[in-house]
Each structure stands twice: as C-alpha cells, then as structure tokens.
Amino acid sequence: MLDNNTYNLMIQMVEENKSLWRIRDTYKRDSLGCDKCQAFWEKLERDKEEHIRELHELLKTHIGAPAGVR
C-alpha cells in the first residue's frame, strides 16, 4: 500500500497532466486573437511541464522504495 505522501504526489501528477491537456487542447485555441491570453497560456503550459517533470522525479524516489527509506 502507498503512503499518503506518495498517493498525494500521484494525484497531483494526474491533475497537472489533465490541466496541461486542457491548455493544449482547448484554452490556447480559444484564446486565438488575444496576444496577452496566448502568452499567458503558453507561460502556464511551460509551468505545468516543469511541475510534471518535478513530480515525476519525486515519484521515482518514492515508488518502489522500501518503507522508511524515503
């Protein structure tokens, strides 16, 4: 069974990926014609990508590691 911290990291990874998908699939397209909004979504897209990378690294240290060795 996973500890709460690992589970929380996994849940956040899912949320960040879903958010990134919405930005790419819908939000950027819907904001065409507004340069400020396009710039905002592009910045947020980069931020989400970085959050996902960080979460991935954290999860690698927790999944598969024996309890108490984190």
PDB file of N, CA and C in Angstrom:
ATOM      1  N   MET A   1       0.853  -1.187   0.000  1.00  0.00           N
ATOM      2  CA  MET A   1       0.000   0.000   0.000  1.00  0.00           C
ATOM      3  C   MET A   1       0.894   1.243   0.000  1.00  0.00           C
ATOM      4  N   LEU A   2       0.468   2.252  -0.725  1.00  0.00           N
ATOM      5  CA  LEU A   2       1.230   3.504  -0.794  1.00  0.00           C
ATOM      6  C   LEU A   2       0.963   4.365   0.432  1.00  0.00           C
ATOM      7  N   ASP A   3       1.986   5.104   0.838  1.00  0.00           N
ATOM      8  CA  ASP A   3       1.752   6.058   1.924  1.00  0.00           C
ATOM      9  C   ASP A   3       1.033   7.290   1.367  1.00  0.00           C
ATOM     10  N   ASN A   4       0.481   8.087   2.249  1.00  0.00           N
ATOM     11  CA  ASN A   4      -0.305   9.256   1.821  1.00  0.00           C
ATOM     12  C   ASN A   4       0.503  10.222   0.963  1.00  0.00           C
ATOM     13  N   ASN A   5       1.766  10.435   1.302  1.00  0.00           N
ATOM     14  CA  ASN A   5       2.593  11.367   0.551  1.00  0.00           C
ATOM     15  C   ASN A   5       2.742  10.915  -0.900  1.00  0.00           C
ATOM     16  N   THR A   6       3.023   9.642  -1.111  1.00  0.00           N
ATOM     17  CA  THR A   6       3.176   9.118  -2.463  1.00  0.00           C
ATOM     18  C   THR A   6       1.865   9.212  -3.222  1.00  0.00           C
ATOM     19  N   TYR A   7       0.796   8.854  -2.556  1.00  0.00           N
ATOM     20  CA  TYR A   7      -0.524   8.945  -3.182  1.00  0.00           C
ATOM     21  C   TYR A   7      -0.823  10.392  -3.575  1.00  0.00           C
ATOM     22  N   ASN A   8      -0.529  11.339  -2.696  1.00  0.00           N
ATOM     23  CA  ASN A   8      -0.765  12.761  -2.984  1.00  0.00           C
ATOM     24  C   ASN A   8       0.033  13.211  -4.204  1.00  0.00           C
ATOM     25  N   LEU A   9       1.286  12.772  -4.291  1.00  0.00           N
ATOM     26  CA  LEU A   9       2.110  13.120  -5.455  1.00  0.00           C
ATOM     27  C   LEU A   9       1.499  12.559  -6.739  1.00  0.00           C
ATOM     28  N   MET A  10       1.000  11.332  -6.674  1.00  0.00           N
ATOM     29  CA  MET A  10       0.382  10.719  -7.845  1.00  0.00           C
ATOM     30  C   MET A  10      -0.877  11.469  -8.260  1.00  0.00           C
ATOM     31  N   ILE A  11      -1.701  11.822  -7.299  1.00  0.00           N
ATOM     32  CA  ILE A  11      -2.930  12.559  -7.597  1.00  0.00           C
ATOM     33  C   ILE A  11      -2.592  13.911  -8.236  1.00  0.00           C
ATOM     34  N   GLN A  12      -1.580  14.589  -7.692  1.00  0.00           N
ATOM     35  CA  GLN A  12      -1.204  15.887  -8.251  1.00  0.00           C
ATOM     36  C   GLN A  12      -0.654  15.737  -9.657  1.00  0.00           C
ATOM     37  N   MET A  13       0.092  14.665  -9.912  1.00  0.00           N
ATOM     38  CA  MET A  13       0.614  14.401 -11.254  1.00  0.00           C
ATOM     39  C   MET A  13      -0.545  14.267 -12.244  1.00  0.00           C
ATOM     40  N   VAL A  14      -1.585  13.560 -11.858  1.00  0.00           N
ATOM     41  CA  VAL A  14      -2.756  13.404 -12.720  1.00  0.00           C
ATOM     42  C   VAL A  14      -3.406  14.763 -12.978  1.00  0.00           C
ATOM     43  N   GLU A  15      -3.582  15.556 -11.932  1.00  0.00           N
ATOM     44  CA  GLU A  15      -4.208  16.869 -12.082  1.00  0.00           C
ATOM     45  C   GLU A  15      -3.398  17.782 -12.998  1.00  0.00           C
ATOM     46  N   GLU A  16      -2.086  17.786 -12.822  1.00  0.00           N
ATOM     47  CA  GLU A  16      -1.230  18.629 -13.668  1.00  0.00           C
ATOM     48  C   GLU A  16      -1.308  18.192 -15.127  1.00  0.00           C
ATOM     49  N   ASN A  17      -1.317  16.889 -15.372  1.00  0.00           N
ATOM     50  CA  ASN A  17      -1.416  16.389 -16.744  1.00  0.00           C
ATOM     51  C   ASN A  17      -2.762  16.723 -17.369  1.00  0.00           C
ATOM     52  N   LYS A  18      -3.830  16.607 -16.605  1.00  0.00           N
ATOM     53  CA  LYS A  18      -5.158  16.957 -17.129  1.00  0.00           C
ATOM     54  C   LYS A  18      -5.217  18.443 -17.464  1.00  0.00           C
ATOM     55  N   SER A  19      -4.660  19.266 -16.595  1.00  0.00           N
ATOM     56  CA  SER A  19      -4.643  20.706 -16.830  1.00  0.00           C
ATOM     57  C   SER A  19      -3.825  21.043 -18.074  1.00  0.00           C
ATOM     58  N   LEU A  20      -2.660  20.423 -18.209  1.00  0.00           N
ATOM     59  CA  LEU A  20      -1.822  20.654 -19.390  1.00  0.00           C
ATOM     60  C   LEU A  20      -2.564  20.242 -20.652  1.00  0.00           C
ATOM     61  N   TRP A  21      -3.270  19.134 -20.621  1.00  0.00           N
ATOM     62  CA  TRP A  21      -4.037  18.693 -21.779  1.00  0.00           C
ATOM     63  C   TRP A  21      -5.091  19.732 -22.161  1.00  0.00           C
ATOM     64  N   ARG A  22      -5.811  20.269 -21.165  1.00  0.00           N
ATOM     65  CA  ARG A  22      -6.846  21.275 -21.457  1.00  0.00           C
ATOM     66  C   ARG A  22      -6.237  22.542 -22.055  1.00  0.00           C
ATOM     67  N   ILE A  23      -5.087  22.954 -21.532  1.00  0.00           N
ATOM     68  CA  ILE A  23      -4.418  24.139 -22.069  1.00  0.00           C
ATOM     69  C   ILE A  23      -4.092  23.920 -23.544  1.00  0.00           C
ATOM     70  N   ARG A  24      -3.505  22.763 -23.846  1.00  0.00           N
ATOM     71  CA  ARG A  24      -3.100  22.483 -25.227  1.00  0.00           C
ATOM     72  C   ARG A  24      -4.285  22.227 -26.149  1.00  0.00           C
ATOM     73  N   ASP A  25      -5.293  21.525 -25.658  1.00  0.00           N
ATOM     74  CA  ASP A  25      -6.413  21.107 -26.497  1.00  0.00           C
ATOM     75  C   ASP A  25      -7.443  22.211 -26.720  1.00  0.00           C
ATOM     76  N   THR A  26      -7.647  23.044 -25.712  1.00  0.00           N
ATOM     77  CA  THR A  26      -8.770  23.980 -25.783  1.00  0.00           C
ATOM     78  C   THR A  26      -8.379  25.431 -25.528  1.00  0.00           C
ATOM     79  N   TYR A  27      -7.743  25.684 -24.400  1.00  0.00           N
ATOM     80  CA  TYR A  27      -7.556  27.065 -23.952  1.00  0.00           C
ATOM     81  C   TYR A  27      -6.748  27.910 -24.927  1.00  0.00           C
ATOM     82  N   LYS A  28      -5.641  27.359 -25.443  1.00  0.00           N
ATOM     83  CA  LYS A  28      -4.834  28.135 -26.382  1.00  0.00           C
ATOM     84  C   LYS A  28      -5.603  28.422 -27.670  1.00  0.00           C
ATOM     85  N   ARG A  29      -6.329  27.439 -28.152  1.00  0.00           N
ATOM     86  CA  ARG A  29      -7.128  27.637 -29.372  1.00  0.00           C
ATOM     87  C   ARG A  29      -8.229  28.673 -29.134  1.00  0.00           C
ATOM     88  N   ASP A  30      -8.893  28.586 -27.986  1.00  0.00           N
ATOM     89  CA  ASP A  30      -9.976  29.522 -27.691  1.00  0.00           C
ATOM     90  C   ASP A  30      -9.490  30.957 -27.523  1.00  0.00           C
ATOM     91  N   SER A  31      -8.210  31.122 -27.204  1.00  0.00           N
ATOM     92  CA  SER A  31      -7.705  32.478 -26.976  1.00  0.00           C
ATOM     93  C   SER A  31      -7.063  33.093 -28.214  1.00  0.00           C
ATOM     94  N   LEU A  32      -7.156  32.409 -29.349  1.00  0.00           N
ATOM     95  CA  LEU A  32      -6.605  32.976 -30.584  1.00  0.00           C
ATOM     96  C   LEU A  32      -7.224  34.353 -30.820  1.00  0.00           C
ATOM     97  N   GLY A  33      -6.374  35.299 -31.169  1.00  0.00           N
ATOM     98  CA  GLY A  33      -6.844  36.660 -31.390  1.00  0.00           C
ATOM     99  C   GLY A  33      -6.517  37.581 -30.226  1.00  0.00           C
ATOM    100  N   CYS A  34      -6.118  37.012 -29.101  1.00  0.00           N
ATOM    101  CA  CYS A  34      -5.726  37.827 -27.945  1.00  0.00           C
ATOM    102  C   CYS A  34      -4.290  37.455 -27.580  1.00  0.00           C
ATOM    103  N   ASP A  35      -3.371  38.319 -27.956  1.00  0.00           N
ATOM    104  CA  ASP A  35      -1.950  38.039 -27.726  1.00  0.00           C
ATOM    105  C   ASP A  35      -1.630  37.878 -26.242  1.00  0.00           C
ATOM    106  N   LYS A  36      -2.256  38.683 -25.385  1.00  0.00           N
ATOM    107  CA  LYS A  36      -1.994  38.577 -23.950  1.00  0.00           C
ATOM    108  C   LYS A  36      -2.445  37.226 -23.401  1.00  0.00           C
ATOM    109  N   CYS A  37      -3.602  36.778 -23.829  1.00  0.00           N
ATOM    110  CA  CYS A  37      -4.105  35.484 -23.366  1.00  0.00           C
ATOM    111  C   CYS A  37      -3.254  34.351 -23.915  1.00  0.00           C
ATOM    112  N   GLN A  38      -2.862  34.435 -25.177  1.00  0.00           N
ATOM    113  CA  GLN A  38      -1.989  33.420 -25.765  1.00  0.00           C
ATOM    114  C   GLN A  38      -0.680  33.324 -24.977  1.00  0.00           C
ATOM    115  N   ALA A  39      -0.102  34.475 -24.653  1.00  0.00           N
ATOM    116  CA  ALA A  39       1.145  34.492 -23.886  1.00  0.00           C
ATOM    117  C   ALA A  39       0.944  33.876 -22.502  1.00  0.00           C
ATOM    118  N   PHE A  40      -0.193  34.168 -21.877  1.00  0.00           N
ATOM    119  CA  PHE A  40      -0.491  33.598 -20.569  1.00  0.00           C
ATOM    120  C   PHE A  40      -0.562  32.076 -20.649  1.00  0.00           C
ATOM    121  N   TRP A  41      -1.315  31.543 -21.619  1.00  0.00           N
ATOM    122  CA  TRP A  41      -1.469  30.094 -21.730  1.00  0.00           C
ATOM    123  C   TRP A  41      -0.137  29.424 -22.063  1.00  0.00           C
ATOM    124  N   GLU A  42       0.684  30.067 -22.872  1.00  0.00           N
ATOM    125  CA  GLU A  42       1.990  29.499 -23.195  1.00  0.00           C
ATOM    126  C   GLU A  42       2.890  29.458 -21.967  1.00  0.00           C
ATOM    127  N   LYS A  43       2.839  30.511 -21.156  1.00  0.00           N
ATOM    128  CA  LYS A  43       3.621  30.521 -19.918  1.00  0.00           C
ATOM    129  C   LYS A  43       3.113  29.443 -18.970  1.00  0.00           C
ATOM    130  N   LEU A  44       1.811  29.346 -18.832  1.00  0.00           N
ATOM    131  CA  LEU A  44       1.233  28.343 -17.943  1.00  0.00           C
ATOM    132  C   LEU A  44       1.556  26.928 -18.443  1.00  0.00           C
ATOM    133  N   GLU A  45       1.569  26.742 -19.750  1.00  0.00           N
ATOM    134  CA  GLU A  45       1.934  25.451 -20.325  1.00  0.00           C
ATOM    135  C   GLU A  45       3.357  25.066 -19.919  1.00  0.00           C
ATOM    136  N   ARG A  46       4.293  25.997 -20.015  1.00  0.00           N
ATOM    137  CA  ARG A  46       5.680  25.731 -19.603  1.00  0.00           C
ATOM    138  C   ARG A  46       5.755  25.424 -18.111  1.00  0.00           C
ATOM    139  N   ASP A  47       4.999  26.184 -17.308  1.00  0.00           N
ATOM    140  CA  ASP A  47       4.971  25.936 -15.857  1.00  0.00           C
ATOM    141  C   ASP A  47       4.464  24.528 -15.550  1.00  0.00           C
ATOM    142  N   LYS A  48       3.393  24.121 -16.209  1.00  0.00           N
ATOM    143  CA  LYS A  48       2.821  22.786 -15.987  1.00  0.00           C
ATOM    144  C   LYS A  48       3.825  21.712 -16.388  1.00  0.00           C
ATOM    145  N   GLU A  49       4.504  21.901 -17.513  1.00  0.00           N
ATOM    146  CA  GLU A  49       5.506  20.939 -17.941  1.00  0.00           C
ATOM    147  C   GLU A  49       6.594  20.780 -16.885  1.00  0.00           C
ATOM    148  N   GLU A  50       7.021  21.880 -16.295  1.00  0.00           N
ATOM    149  CA  GLU A  50       8.048  21.828 -15.243  1.00  0.00           C
ATOM    150  C   GLU A  50       7.506  21.139 -13.991  1.00  0.00           C
ATOM    151  N   HIS A  51       6.278  21.437 -13.611  1.00  0.00           N
ATOM    152  CA  HIS A  51       5.680  20.775 -12.448  1.00  0.00           C
ATOM    153  C   HIS A  51       5.615  19.265 -12.665  1.00  0.00           C
ATOM    154  N   ILE A  52       5.247  18.869 -13.862  1.00  0.00           N
ATOM    155  CA  ILE A  52       5.150  17.434 -14.184  1.00  0.00           C
ATOM    156  C   ILE A  52       6.528  16.787 -14.101  1.00  0.00           C
ATOM    157  N   ARG A  53       7.554  17.455 -14.607  1.00  0.00           N
ATOM    158  CA  ARG A  53       8.915  16.920 -14.510  1.00  0.00           C
ATOM    159  C   ARG A  53       9.330  16.751 -13.052  1.00  0.00           C
ATOM    160  N   GLU A  54       9.045  17.769 -12.227  1.00  0.00           N
ATOM    161  CA  GLU A  54       9.395  17.698 -10.806  1.00  0.00           C
ATOM    162  C   GLU A  54       8.649  16.569 -10.098  1.00  0.00           C
ATOM    163  N   LEU A  55       7.357  16.465 -10.368  1.00  0.00           N
ATOM    164  CA  LEU A  55       6.568  15.399  -9.762  1.00  0.00           C
ATOM    165  C   LEU A  55       7.090  14.032 -10.192  1.00  0.00           C
ATOM    166  N   HIS A  56       7.451  13.893 -11.446  1.00  0.00           N
ATOM    167  CA  HIS A  56       7.982  12.630 -11.953  1.00  0.00           C
ATOM    168  C   HIS A  56       9.241  12.236 -11.181  1.00  0.00           C
ATOM    169  N   GLU A  57      10.136  13.185 -10.981  1.00  0.00           N
ATOM    170  CA  GLU A  57      11.369  12.903 -10.236  1.00  0.00           C
ATOM    171  C   GLU A  57      11.064  12.520  -8.784  1.00  0.00           C
ATOM    172  N   LEU A  58      10.147  13.229  -8.157  1.00  0.00           N
ATOM    173  CA  LEU A  58       9.771  12.896  -6.786  1.00  0.00           C
ATOM    174  C   LEU A  58       9.158  11.507  -6.702  1.00  0.00           C
ATOM    175  N   LEU A  59       8.286  11.200  -7.637  1.00  0.00           N
ATOM    176  CA  LEU A  59       7.639   9.890  -7.622  1.00  0.00           C
ATOM    177  C   LEU A  59       8.647   8.759  -7.838  1.00  0.00           C
ATOM    178  N   LYS A  60       9.647   8.997  -8.666  1.00  0.00           N
ATOM    179  CA  LYS A  60      10.665   7.970  -8.870  1.00  0.00           C
ATOM    180  C   LYS A  60      11.380   7.633  -7.564  1.00  0.00           C
ATOM    181  N   THR A  61      11.503   8.606  -6.669  1.00  0.00           N
ATOM    182  CA  THR A  61      12.189   8.335  -5.396  1.00  0.00           C
ATOM    183  C   THR A  61      11.276   7.627  -4.401  1.00  0.00           C
ATOM    184  N   HIS A  62       9.976   7.654  -4.627  1.00  0.00           N
ATOM    185  CA  HIS A  62       9.038   7.062  -3.658  1.00  0.00           C
ATOM    186  C   HIS A  62       8.458   5.727  -4.098  1.00  0.00           C
ATOM    187  N   ILE A  63       8.174   5.573  -5.356  1.00  0.00           N
ATOM    188  CA  ILE A  63       7.570   4.320  -5.815  1.00  0.00           C
ATOM    189  C   ILE A  63       8.670   3.264  -5.927  1.00  0.00           C
ATOM    190  N   GLY A  64       8.448   2.179  -5.285  1.00  0.00           N
ATOM    191  CA  GLY A  64       9.416   1.099  -5.314  1.00  0.00           C
ATOM    192  C   GLY A  64      10.435   1.163  -4.206  1.00  0.00           C
ATOM    193  N   ALA A  65      10.550   2.305  -3.534  1.00  0.00           N
ATOM    194  CA  ALA A  65      11.487   2.406  -2.413  1.00  0.00           C
ATOM    195  C   ALA A  65      10.868   1.751  -1.187  1.00  0.00           C
ATOM    196  N   PRO A  66      11.636   0.973  -0.458  1.00  0.00           N
ATOM    197  CA  PRO A  66      11.095   0.333   0.754  1.00  0.00           C
ATOM    198  C   PRO A  66      10.619   1.374   1.760  1.00  0.00           C
ATOM    199  N   ALA A  67       9.619   1.032   2.531  1.00  0.00           N
ATOM    200  CA  ALA A  67       9.096   1.945   3.551  1.00  0.00           C
ATOM    201  C   ALA A  67      10.217   2.368   4.479  1.00  0.00           C
ATOM    202  N   GLY A  68      10.232   3.639   4.826  1.00  0.00           N
ATOM    203  CA  GLY A  68      11.250   4.155   5.745  1.00  0.00           C
ATOM    204  C   GLY A  68      12.559   4.542   5.072  1.00  0.00           C
ATOM    205  N   VAL A  69      12.680   4.330   3.747  1.00  0.00           N
ATOM    206  CA  VAL A  69      13.929   4.656   3.040  1.00  0.00           C
ATOM    207  C   VAL A  69      13.728   5.854   2.131  1.00  0.00           C
ATOM    208  N   ARG A  70      12.790   6.672   2.410  1.00  0.00           N
ATOM    209  CA  ARG A  70      12.488   7.812   1.544  1.00  0.00           C
ATOM    210  C   ARG A  70      13.216   8.991   2.024  1.00  0.00           C
TER     211      ARG A  70
END
